[in-house]
Structures are given as C-alpha cells and as structure tokens.
Amino acid sequence: MRPLADLRILAVEQSGRTVGSCSSPSSAPDVIKIEDPHAGGDVGRSVPPYQSGDDSLFFEAFNHRQTQPRARPEPPTPARAIFEGLVRVSDAVYSNLRGDGPAKLRLRYADLAHLNPRLVCVSLSGFGMTGPRRDEPAYDYILQGLAGWQSLTGAPDGPPTKSGLSLVDYSGGLVAALALLGASMPRAATGWAATGDTFALRYRNEHADLRRGLDARRRGRTCPNGCRSRPSSIVPFQNFRTADG
C-alpha cells in the first residue's frame, strides 16, 4: 500500500524535482504531469543520457511514477477545459515556474477555487510570486551565487566554486514537497484549503548565513577568504592533508 496513493497532484513544471522525485515508489502520490506538446514537452526530455531513442534517463529520474496524458479527447477540447476538469478531481496543483508564471497561467488558488474549494496550491520559483524579481528566471548556478553558496565551497585559498550537485534545485524541491504535504494533511481533517509560495533564494540565504562566519564578524573577527568550505565556528570540520596523501 502506498501511504500517499489517495493524493492526486497536478504538476505544471519544467524539469521538476518535487513530487515526482521526492517520494519513493512505495509511497508516491498520484501525480499527473502537465506538458506542452507544442514545445516538445518538459525540457528535461532533451537532456542526455538516453536509454533508447529520445527516452531520457535524466527525465525519468526526476519524474518517476508520474502520469503524462497524451490522448486527445474527441471531439477536440480546449486545453484549459481539460485542465480544469482535472482540477475538479485533484487534491493539489503544484507549479515550478518563474514567479509570474502562476498568475499568467491562472494556477493560483484564487484562479481555481471556484472549481475545487478544497484545492491546495503550491508554487516553487526562484524569487517568489510577489517580489520585485518575480518575473526573472532562476537557475541553480544563479541562486548559488546570489545566496553566497559558492563562497562557501572550495579550498580556502581558491575561487568561489559551485557545488557538484544542483543542491538548490534539490532542496527547493524538498521544501515545496513538504509545503504541499503540510497543507494537505490538515485539509483532510478541516476541509480548509491552502496556498503556498516557496522560493529558493530565501532558504539558500538562510543556510548560507549560518556558514559565512556571521558570529565571528559579530565578535569583531574575520575569516580569511570567507573560509570557503571550512566552517568558522566548528573545529575540526574541514579537510586535512594526511601523511599518505
């Protein structure tokens, strides 16, 4: 039995790393992924390596257990009408777009509540849906730089370095998944709906501040070169050269 099998989520995303990849096959919810066939679908479908033909392993890794409806109803039905029909029988709508995307595509709770008052709506973006940078795209590289993560990675005498894994993408997806589940649980008991606006830069800044040596600076001390990956408050907690190399 899958604990989240009764939870149906509509995912409007590009290369999404949330509900499809943050749950194991044994507990995954029912996720219906909405893609634009005129644009070739999710951009992740074009990322190698491929199993065979255009079957992207990258796409499959982050979208397992998701349903991608392909059949066109007869007679032809407007795409919005199909989407709204799915909203009526779903529990949540999750989007991973630019901050201004949910308003343009009418994916916010205010846009969909008349179809399903119990709906949970969660948006994950780089800068949020309401801030001054909501219409700007955001990628892992950009947010690692803006949040100062790159100044925390690498050797103390080296340049700022991006982490090997796309940690902003991964952790942003996890936060959004937790927000969606956190809103869905009380809804089951109270019948109340909820909406969430999660943005990656906020959480990356909070994490980076803890590692930038803020306490040292507050006490009038400095950390050479930002310490890079060496914490300013915990010793030993860094790499050391050993006798055997």
C-alpha atoms as a PDB file:
ATOM      1  CA  MET A   1       0.000   0.000   0.000  1.00  0.00           C
ATOM      2  CA  ARG A   2       1.258   3.495  -0.874  1.00  0.00           C
ATOM      3  CA  PRO A   3       0.580   5.932   2.015  1.00  0.00           C
ATOM      4  CA  LEU A   4       0.043   8.838  -0.392  1.00  0.00           C
ATOM      5  CA  ALA A   5      -1.866   6.898  -3.044  1.00  0.00           C
ATOM      6  CA  ASP A   6      -5.069   8.863  -2.335  1.00  0.00           C
ATOM      7  CA  LEU A   7      -3.332  12.201  -3.004  1.00  0.00           C
ATOM      8  CA  ARG A   8      -3.689  13.400  -6.603  1.00  0.00           C
ATOM      9  CA  ILE A   9      -1.405  16.256  -7.702  1.00  0.00           C
ATOM     10  CA  LEU A  10      -1.366  18.191 -10.955  1.00  0.00           C
ATOM     11  CA  ALA A  11       2.243  19.191 -11.689  1.00  0.00           C
ATOM     12  CA  VAL A  12       2.869  22.113 -14.029  1.00  0.00           C
ATOM     13  CA  GLU A  13       6.638  22.292 -14.164  1.00  0.00           C
ATOM     14  CA  GLN A  14       9.833  22.205 -16.179  1.00  0.00           C
ATOM     15  CA  SER A  15      12.427  19.618 -15.226  1.00  0.00           C
ATOM     16  CA  GLY A  16      10.564  19.380 -11.922  1.00  0.00           C
ATOM     17  CA  ARG A  17      12.244  17.963  -8.852  1.00  0.00           C
ATOM     18  CA  THR A  18       9.455  17.749  -6.357  1.00  0.00           C
ATOM     19  CA  VAL A  19       6.533  15.399  -6.026  1.00  0.00           C
ATOM     20  CA  GLY A  20       7.771  13.032  -8.718  1.00  0.00           C
ATOM     21  CA  SER A  21      11.277  12.583  -7.365  1.00  0.00           C
ATOM     22  CA  CYS A  22      10.978  13.314  -3.621  1.00  0.00           C
ATOM     23  CA  SER A  23       8.857  10.264  -2.900  1.00  0.00           C
ATOM     24  CA  SER A  24       9.726   6.622  -3.161  1.00  0.00           C
ATOM     25  CA  PRO A  25       7.771   4.289  -5.460  1.00  0.00           C
ATOM     26  CA  SER A  26       6.296   2.619  -2.369  1.00  0.00           C
ATOM     27  CA  SER A  27       4.765   5.837  -1.007  1.00  0.00           C
ATOM     28  CA  ALA A  28       4.311   8.087  -4.045  1.00  0.00           C
ATOM     29  CA  PRO A  29       1.130  10.083  -4.658  1.00  0.00           C
ATOM     30  CA  ASP A  30      -0.758  10.062  -7.929  1.00  0.00           C
ATOM     31  CA  VAL A  31       0.976  12.777  -9.960  1.00  0.00           C
ATOM     32  CA  ILE A  32      -0.360  13.976 -13.313  1.00  0.00           C
ATOM     33  CA  LYS A  33       2.280  15.968 -15.150  1.00  0.00           C
ATOM     34  CA  ILE A  34       1.041  18.697 -17.496  1.00  0.00           C
ATOM     35  CA  GLU A  35       3.293  19.370 -20.502  1.00  0.00           C
ATOM     36  CA  ASP A  36       3.075  21.496 -23.630  1.00  0.00           C
ATOM     37  CA  PRO A  37       3.286  19.144 -26.632  1.00  0.00           C
ATOM     38  CA  HIS A  38       3.859  22.080 -28.991  1.00  0.00           C
ATOM     39  CA  ALA A  39       7.144  22.837 -27.185  1.00  0.00           C
ATOM     40  CA  GLY A  40       8.282  19.229 -27.089  1.00  0.00           C
ATOM     41  CA  GLY A  41       7.115  18.701 -23.532  1.00  0.00           C
ATOM     42  CA  ASP A  42       9.297  19.086 -20.468  1.00  0.00           C
ATOM     43  CA  VAL A  43      12.782  20.439 -21.247  1.00  0.00           C
ATOM     44  CA  GLY A  44      14.185  17.530 -19.244  1.00  0.00           C
ATOM     45  CA  ARG A  45      13.189  15.170 -22.044  1.00  0.00           C
ATOM     46  CA  SER A  46      16.029  16.571 -24.169  1.00  0.00           C
ATOM     47  CA  VAL A  47      18.742  16.037 -21.550  1.00  0.00           C
ATOM     48  CA  PRO A  48      21.040  13.008 -22.049  1.00  0.00           C
ATOM     49  CA  PRO A  49      21.858  10.233 -21.342  1.00  0.00           C
ATOM     50  CA  TYR A  50      19.215   8.296 -23.232  1.00  0.00           C
ATOM     51  CA  GLN A  51      18.061   4.736 -22.707  1.00  0.00           C
ATOM     52  CA  SER A  52      16.978   4.377 -26.317  1.00  0.00           C
ATOM     53  CA  GLY A  53      15.916   6.913 -28.927  1.00  0.00           C
ATOM     54  CA  ASP A  54      14.650  10.029 -27.139  1.00  0.00           C
ATOM     55  CA  ASP A  55      13.981   8.186 -23.851  1.00  0.00           C
ATOM     56  CA  SER A  56      15.897  10.461 -21.427  1.00  0.00           C
ATOM     57  CA  LEU A  57      17.144   8.818 -18.248  1.00  0.00           C
ATOM     58  CA  PHE A  58      17.515  12.306 -16.738  1.00  0.00           C
ATOM     59  CA  PHE A  59      13.803  12.944 -17.269  1.00  0.00           C
ATOM     60  CA  GLU A  60      12.819   9.563 -15.885  1.00  0.00           C
ATOM     61  CA  ALA A  61      14.963  10.013 -12.775  1.00  0.00           C
ATOM     62  CA  PHE A  62      13.063  13.146 -11.749  1.00  0.00           C
ATOM     63  CA  ASN A  63       9.622  12.168 -12.982  1.00  0.00           C
ATOM     64  CA  HIS A  64       9.094   8.580 -11.943  1.00  0.00           C
ATOM     65  CA  ARG A  65       5.567   7.480 -11.091  1.00  0.00           C
ATOM     66  CA  GLN A  66       4.079  10.446 -12.916  1.00  0.00           C
ATOM     67  CA  THR A  67       1.304  10.167 -15.474  1.00  0.00           C
ATOM     68  CA  GLN A  68       1.744  12.123 -18.701  1.00  0.00           C
ATOM     69  CA  PRO A  69      -1.627  12.077 -20.512  1.00  0.00           C
ATOM     70  CA  ARG A  70      -1.155  12.114 -24.275  1.00  0.00           C
ATOM     71  CA  ALA A  71      -4.526  11.157 -25.748  1.00  0.00           C
ATOM     72  CA  ARG A  72      -6.559  13.956 -27.313  1.00  0.00           C
ATOM     73  CA  PRO A  73     -10.266  13.716 -26.468  1.00  0.00           C
ATOM     74  CA  GLU A  74     -12.737  13.603 -29.327  1.00  0.00           C
ATOM     75  CA  PRO A  75     -14.122  15.962 -30.385  1.00  0.00           C
ATOM     76  CA  PRO A  76     -11.156  18.296 -29.708  1.00  0.00           C
ATOM     77  CA  THR A  77     -11.473  20.007 -26.333  1.00  0.00           C
ATOM     78  CA  PRO A  78      -9.681  23.251 -25.380  1.00  0.00           C
ATOM     79  CA  ALA A  79      -6.616  22.583 -23.229  1.00  0.00           C
ATOM     80  CA  ARG A  80      -7.881  24.850 -20.437  1.00  0.00           C
ATOM     81  CA  ALA A  81     -11.135  22.918 -20.216  1.00  0.00           C
ATOM     82  CA  ILE A  82      -9.201  19.654 -19.891  1.00  0.00           C
ATOM     83  CA  PHE A  83      -7.003  21.139 -17.184  1.00  0.00           C
ATOM     84  CA  GLU A  84      -9.970  22.498 -15.230  1.00  0.00           C
ATOM     85  CA  GLY A  85     -11.636  19.117 -15.427  1.00  0.00           C
ATOM     86  CA  LEU A  86      -8.566  17.593 -13.785  1.00  0.00           C
ATOM     87  CA  VAL A  87      -8.544  20.340 -11.134  1.00  0.00           C
ATOM     88  CA  ARG A  88     -12.064  19.339 -10.098  1.00  0.00           C
ATOM     89  CA  VAL A  89     -10.929  15.807  -9.232  1.00  0.00           C
ATOM     90  CA  SER A  90      -7.466  16.600  -7.811  1.00  0.00           C
ATOM     91  CA  ASP A  91      -6.165  17.497  -4.368  1.00  0.00           C
ATOM     92  CA  ALA A  92      -3.352  19.877  -5.274  1.00  0.00           C
ATOM     93  CA  VAL A  93      -1.810  21.926  -8.065  1.00  0.00           C
ATOM     94  CA  TYR A  94       1.952  22.310  -7.939  1.00  0.00           C
ATOM     95  CA  SER A  95       3.896  24.624 -10.246  1.00  0.00           C
ATOM     96  CA  ASN A  96       7.630  25.079 -10.741  1.00  0.00           C
ATOM     97  CA  LEU A  97       7.876  28.131 -12.991  1.00  0.00           C
ATOM     98  CA  ARG A  98       9.016  31.737 -12.909  1.00  0.00           C
ATOM     99  CA  GLY A  99       7.366  33.691 -10.113  1.00  0.00           C
ATOM    100  CA  ASP A 100       4.980  35.409 -12.514  1.00  0.00           C
ATOM    101  CA  GLY A 101       4.017  32.116 -14.165  1.00  0.00           C
ATOM    102  CA  PRO A 102       1.143  31.035 -11.864  1.00  0.00           C
ATOM    103  CA  ALA A 103      -0.685  34.348 -12.372  1.00  0.00           C
ATOM    104  CA  LYS A 104      -0.242  34.281 -16.153  1.00  0.00           C
ATOM    105  CA  LEU A 105      -1.387  30.674 -16.416  1.00  0.00           C
ATOM    106  CA  ARG A 106      -4.098  31.107 -13.768  1.00  0.00           C
ATOM    107  CA  LEU A 107      -2.694  28.445 -11.438  1.00  0.00           C
ATOM    108  CA  ARG A 108      -3.182  30.267  -8.142  1.00  0.00           C
ATOM    109  CA  TYR A 109      -5.807  29.306  -5.579  1.00  0.00           C
ATOM    110  CA  ALA A 110      -7.748  32.475  -6.397  1.00  0.00           C
ATOM    111  CA  ASP A 111      -7.922  31.289 -10.021  1.00  0.00           C
ATOM    112  CA  LEU A 112      -9.022  27.741  -9.250  1.00  0.00           C
ATOM    113  CA  ALA A 113     -11.024  27.852  -6.013  1.00  0.00           C
ATOM    114  CA  HIS A 114     -14.348  28.078  -7.866  1.00  0.00           C
ATOM    115  CA  LEU A 115     -13.579  24.688  -9.410  1.00  0.00           C
ATOM    116  CA  ASN A 116     -12.417  22.968  -6.225  1.00  0.00           C
ATOM    117  CA  PRO A 117     -12.563  24.899  -2.907  1.00  0.00           C
ATOM    118  CA  ARG A 118     -10.537  22.171  -1.139  1.00  0.00           C
ATOM    119  CA  LEU A 119      -7.609  22.540  -3.527  1.00  0.00           C
ATOM    120  CA  VAL A 120      -4.050  23.056  -2.249  1.00  0.00           C
ATOM    121  CA  CYS A 121      -1.888  25.265  -4.491  1.00  0.00           C
ATOM    122  CA  VAL A 122       1.902  25.411  -4.132  1.00  0.00           C
ATOM    123  CA  SER A 123       4.314  27.413  -6.287  1.00  0.00           C
ATOM    124  CA  LEU A 124       8.083  26.951  -6.328  1.00  0.00           C
ATOM    125  CA  SER A 125      10.107  29.670  -8.045  1.00  0.00           C
ATOM    126  CA  GLY A 126      13.433  31.417  -7.727  1.00  0.00           C
ATOM    127  CA  PHE A 127      12.215  34.713  -6.265  1.00  0.00           C
ATOM    128  CA  GLY A 128       8.580  34.163  -5.254  1.00  0.00           C
ATOM    129  CA  MET A 129       5.275  35.235  -6.783  1.00  0.00           C
ATOM    130  CA  THR A 130       5.034  38.714  -5.249  1.00  0.00           C
ATOM    131  CA  GLY A 131       8.547  40.161  -5.009  1.00  0.00           C
ATOM    132  CA  PRO A 132      10.189  42.691  -7.346  1.00  0.00           C
ATOM    133  CA  ARG A 133      12.112  39.912  -9.144  1.00  0.00           C
ATOM    134  CA  ARG A 134       9.150  37.581  -9.643  1.00  0.00           C
ATOM    135  CA  ASP A 135       9.401  37.828 -13.458  1.00  0.00           C
ATOM    136  CA  GLU A 136      13.062  36.745 -13.544  1.00  0.00           C
ATOM    137  CA  PRO A 137      14.143  33.175 -14.265  1.00  0.00           C
ATOM    138  CA  ALA A 138      16.373  31.420 -11.754  1.00  0.00           C
ATOM    139  CA  TYR A 139      18.773  28.542 -12.173  1.00  0.00           C
ATOM    140  CA  ASP A 140      20.857  26.628  -9.696  1.00  0.00           C
ATOM    141  CA  TYR A 141      24.057  28.492 -10.695  1.00  0.00           C
ATOM    142  CA  ILE A 142      22.379  31.893 -10.271  1.00  0.00           C
ATOM    143  CA  LEU A 143      20.961  31.177  -6.835  1.00  0.00           C
ATOM    144  CA  GLN A 144      24.140  29.567  -5.518  1.00  0.00           C
ATOM    145  CA  GLY A 145      25.932  32.787  -6.438  1.00  0.00           C
ATOM    146  CA  LEU A 146      23.298  35.190  -5.113  1.00  0.00           C
ATOM    147  CA  ALA A 147      22.906  33.330  -1.830  1.00  0.00           C
ATOM    148  CA  GLY A 148      26.647  33.084  -1.296  1.00  0.00           C
ATOM    149  CA  TRP A 149      26.818  29.322  -1.513  1.00  0.00           C
ATOM    150  CA  GLN A 150      29.685  29.449  -3.989  1.00  0.00           C
ATOM    151  CA  SER A 151      31.712  31.462  -1.486  1.00  0.00           C
ATOM    152  CA  LEU A 152      31.343  28.528   0.919  1.00  0.00           C
ATOM    153  CA  THR A 153      32.557  25.859  -1.478  1.00  0.00           C
ATOM    154  CA  GLY A 154      36.128  25.040  -2.444  1.00  0.00           C
ATOM    155  CA  ALA A 155      39.508  25.436  -0.779  1.00  0.00           C
ATOM    156  CA  PRO A 156      40.149  28.485   1.462  1.00  0.00           C
ATOM    157  CA  ASP A 157      42.751  29.816  -0.998  1.00  0.00           C
ATOM    158  CA  GLY A 158      40.697  29.050  -4.118  1.00  0.00           C
ATOM    159  CA  PRO A 159      37.944  30.825  -6.049  1.00  0.00           C
ATOM    160  CA  PRO A 160      34.200  30.517  -5.303  1.00  0.00           C
ATOM    161  CA  THR A 161      33.002  27.126  -6.513  1.00  0.00           C
ATOM    162  CA  LYS A 162      29.638  25.684  -7.442  1.00  0.00           C
ATOM    163  CA  SER A 163      28.724  22.522  -5.585  1.00  0.00           C
ATOM    164  CA  GLY A 164      28.916  19.408  -7.716  1.00  0.00           C
ATOM    165  CA  LEU A 165      25.230  18.574  -7.295  1.00  0.00           C
ATOM    166  CA  SER A 166      22.427  21.010  -8.033  1.00  0.00           C
ATOM    167  CA  LEU A 167      21.652  21.431  -4.355  1.00  0.00           C
ATOM    168  CA  VAL A 168      19.437  24.495  -4.797  1.00  0.00           C
ATOM    169  CA  ASP A 169      17.224  22.540  -7.180  1.00  0.00           C
ATOM    170  CA  TYR A 170      17.096  19.520  -4.904  1.00  0.00           C
ATOM    171  CA  SER A 171      16.490  21.335  -1.618  1.00  0.00           C
ATOM    172  CA  GLY A 172      13.996  23.717  -3.217  1.00  0.00           C
ATOM    173  CA  GLY A 173      12.013  20.734  -4.437  1.00  0.00           C
ATOM    174  CA  LEU A 174      12.087  19.141  -0.998  1.00  0.00           C
ATOM    175  CA  VAL A 175      10.829  22.334   0.674  1.00  0.00           C
ATOM    176  CA  ALA A 176       7.988  22.609  -1.845  1.00  0.00           C
ATOM    177  CA  ALA A 177       7.064  18.947  -1.345  1.00  0.00           C
ATOM    178  CA  LEU A 178       6.967  19.447   2.424  1.00  0.00           C
ATOM    179  CA  ALA A 179       4.822  22.569   1.991  1.00  0.00           C
ATOM    180  CA  LEU A 180       2.376  20.656  -0.188  1.00  0.00           C
ATOM    181  CA  LEU A 181       2.119  17.727   2.211  1.00  0.00           C
ATOM    182  CA  GLY A 182       1.935  20.036   5.230  1.00  0.00           C
ATOM    183  CA  ALA A 183      -1.027  21.866   3.706  1.00  0.00           C
ATOM    184  CA  SER A 184      -2.741  18.664   2.594  1.00  0.00           C
ATOM    185  CA  MET A 185      -2.766  16.965   5.995  1.00  0.00           C
ATOM    186  CA  PRO A 186      -4.888  19.492   7.947  1.00  0.00           C
ATOM    187  CA  ARG A 187      -7.138  19.928   4.915  1.00  0.00           C
ATOM    188  CA  ALA A 188      -8.170  16.302   5.242  1.00  0.00           C
ATOM    189  CA  ALA A 189      -9.401  16.982   8.779  1.00  0.00           C
ATOM    190  CA  THR A 190     -10.801  20.504   8.452  1.00  0.00           C
ATOM    191  CA  GLY A 191     -11.799  20.733   4.794  1.00  0.00           C
ATOM    192  CA  TRP A 192      -9.906  24.015   4.515  1.00  0.00           C
ATOM    193  CA  ALA A 193      -7.731  24.709   1.524  1.00  0.00           C
ATOM    194  CA  ALA A 194      -4.343  26.401   1.479  1.00  0.00           C
ATOM    195  CA  THR A 195      -1.892  28.106  -0.819  1.00  0.00           C
ATOM    196  CA  GLY A 196       1.903  28.228  -0.612  1.00  0.00           C
ATOM    197  CA  ASP A 197       4.581  30.404  -2.230  1.00  0.00           C
ATOM    198  CA  THR A 198       8.042  28.916  -1.771  1.00  0.00           C
ATOM    199  CA  PHE A 199      11.082  30.483  -3.351  1.00  0.00           C
ATOM    200  CA  ALA A 200      14.549  29.034  -3.464  1.00  0.00           C
ATOM    201  CA  LEU A 201      16.601  32.157  -2.709  1.00  0.00           C
ATOM    202  CA  ARG A 202      15.115  32.583   0.765  1.00  0.00           C
ATOM    203  CA  TYR A 203      16.158  29.145   2.005  1.00  0.00           C
ATOM    204  CA  ARG A 204      19.556  29.332   0.370  1.00  0.00           C
ATOM    205  CA  ASN A 205      20.267  32.658   2.102  1.00  0.00           C
ATOM    206  CA  GLU A 206      19.284  31.269   5.493  1.00  0.00           C
ATOM    207  CA  HIS A 207      21.617  28.303   5.098  1.00  0.00           C
ATOM    208  CA  ALA A 208      24.490  30.402   3.781  1.00  0.00           C
ATOM    209  CA  ASP A 209      24.252  32.944   6.608  1.00  0.00           C
ATOM    210  CA  LEU A 210      24.945  30.213   9.137  1.00  0.00           C
ATOM    211  CA  ARG A 211      28.160  29.307   7.351  1.00  0.00           C
ATOM    212  CA  ARG A 212      29.522  32.725   6.427  1.00  0.00           C
ATOM    213  CA  GLY A 213      31.055  33.366   9.820  1.00  0.00           C
ATOM    214  CA  LEU A 214      28.401  35.828  10.953  1.00  0.00           C
ATOM    215  CA  ASP A 215      29.128  35.079  14.576  1.00  0.00           C
ATOM    216  CA  ALA A 216      32.851  35.681  14.019  1.00  0.00           C
ATOM    217  CA  ARG A 217      32.169  39.038  12.387  1.00  0.00           C
ATOM    218  CA  ARG A 218      29.757  39.958  15.150  1.00  0.00           C
ATOM    219  CA  ARG A 219      32.612  39.454  17.600  1.00  0.00           C
ATOM    220  CA  GLY A 220      34.977  41.565  15.505  1.00  0.00           C
ATOM    221  CA  ARG A 221      36.868  38.663  13.951  1.00  0.00           C
ATOM    222  CA  THR A 222      37.432  37.796  10.323  1.00  0.00           C
ATOM    223  CA  CYS A 223      37.538  34.563   8.378  1.00  0.00           C
ATOM    224  CA  PRO A 224      40.172  34.667   5.588  1.00  0.00           C
ATOM    225  CA  ASN A 225      38.686  34.271   2.104  1.00  0.00           C
ATOM    226  CA  GLY A 226      35.312  33.557   3.660  1.00  0.00           C
ATOM    227  CA  CYS A 227      36.755  30.236   4.900  1.00  0.00           C
ATOM    228  CA  ARG A 228      35.183  28.596   1.830  1.00  0.00           C
ATOM    229  CA  SER A 229      34.129  25.081   2.900  1.00  0.00           C
ATOM    230  CA  ARG A 230      35.831  25.389   6.298  1.00  0.00           C
ATOM    231  CA  PRO A 231      33.291  26.460   8.974  1.00  0.00           C
ATOM    232  CA  SER A 232      34.214  29.400  11.190  1.00  0.00           C
ATOM    233  CA  SER A 233      32.515  28.028  14.285  1.00  0.00           C
ATOM    234  CA  ILE A 234      33.354  24.288  14.352  1.00  0.00           C
ATOM    235  CA  VAL A 235      36.812  22.717  14.589  1.00  0.00           C
ATOM    236  CA  PRO A 236      37.812  20.256  13.249  1.00  0.00           C
ATOM    237  CA  PHE A 237      35.341  20.188  10.396  1.00  0.00           C
ATOM    238  CA  GLN A 238      37.403  20.502   7.220  1.00  0.00           C
ATOM    239  CA  ASN A 239      39.786  18.535   5.010  1.00  0.00           C
ATOM    240  CA  PHE A 240      43.346  17.902   6.200  1.00  0.00           C
ATOM    241  CA  ARG A 241      46.346  16.690   4.256  1.00  0.00           C
ATOM    242  CA  THR A 242      47.419  13.307   5.621  1.00  0.00           C
ATOM    243  CA  ALA A 243      50.795  11.617   5.630  1.00  0.00           C
ATOM    244  CA  ASP A 244      49.834   9.204   2.845  1.00  0.00           C
ATOM    245  CA  GLY A 245      48.361  11.962   0.651  1.00  0.00           C
END
